[in-house]
Amino acid sequence: MRAVRLTAWGREPALSEVERPVPRDAEVLVRVEAAGLCHSDIHVIDGPEGALPYRPPFTLGHEVSGHVAALGPDADGPAVGERVVVYGPWGCGSCARCVAGQDNYCDRRRGLNWHGVGLGRDGGMAEYVLVPAGRHLVPIGDLPAHQAAPLSDAGLTSYHAVNGVRHALRDGTTAAVIGVGGLGHLAVQILRATTTSRVVAVDIREEALTLAQRSGAHAGTLMRTDTARALRARTGGVGVDAVLDFVGNTATLELAADVLRPGGEVAVVGSGGGQLTVRKPGFLPPGFRLSLPFWGTRPELAEVIALARSGALHVETEQFPLSAAPEAFDRLRQGRVAGRAVLLPA
């Protein structure tokens, strides 16, 4: 079968011919219908040797949807032919958190040489992907594959981040979404679908603010030197109740601190390498709370799929054949993907 593989650190991924996996024990073989691309893939590809615990070669792709093609003799879960999305953050499988469907916070994560499907383990940028157990599969029914695949990370990570701050978003509150790309445009939709908060979007690109508007944002503003003042003005001067930062560089973290009202929440999702100094006393608003959400839980993925099937979520996608993976990666690097890039192996 064909697969997009990272063969060594410092090399661009290559489309290769590899043996089709055969499921053993509790494993499940999934015929891939769609695989999303993510900036996390770029971080992996560009990572120097030793920066990550992964051991090349392995197939990329951690946003995966398809249908069950074959089952190992001890496998349970979805039946052959059932359409599924793959829950991506595979943990050790046996700690209390993994058993509860919280592999994203696996107690043994520090000792693993993978973070999940396509992240140290063979992923879904291929014609087939081998999944360790049926518990990692969530049925999607008739949801289109190019919609389902990005929901397993872009949708799930956004949903998990919103879950962490939802208690602060009652009637009359304001939430700010910084960075309206593959994750941010879904965060806007999730906020609109699951809270009564007013949603304001911030980005450096006009086209991203247009995407935010299509996604349901009440307002949007370009990131400039006066953005904090403008956002505060929109809240009557009190500041926003929660900030979801999908960029995570120093400028966006400082903006988050500048616009947050006392007792507010900041969830940093983006891995932009920024730093925010925490000290007391200091410039941060009193009662400030910071979270670093990572991916999401398996039950949350089922909730995300249900939202999408209800019509509340729609992923903006650009679709490419598997053979065009290099072009898709190049467009993603240059910031020229509207929403989420998705590879279609068929």
Foldseek 3Di string as FASTA:
>chain_A
DWFFWDADAPDHTDTDDDDQDDAAAAKWKFFWFKFWDDVVVVCVNNPGPPPALADDTAGATQQTWGFTCDGHPNADADDGGFTWTFQWQAAPCPDPCNVVQNSQPHPCRVVDSARGARGNHHHDLGRMDMDNHNLRIDTQPPDDGHFRRLCSFLVQQLLALCVVAVVQAAPLAEEEEEDQAQNRLNNLLNCVVPGNHQYEYEYQDPVSQVSNVVSPHPYYDYDDPCVLVVQCVVSVNQAGQEYEYQAPAQSVVVSRQSRHGALHEYEYAHPNPHDDDDDPPDSGHHNYDYHDGGRHGPVSSNVSSVCVVVVSDGFDEDEDESVCVVVVVVCVVVVNTHHIYMYGDD
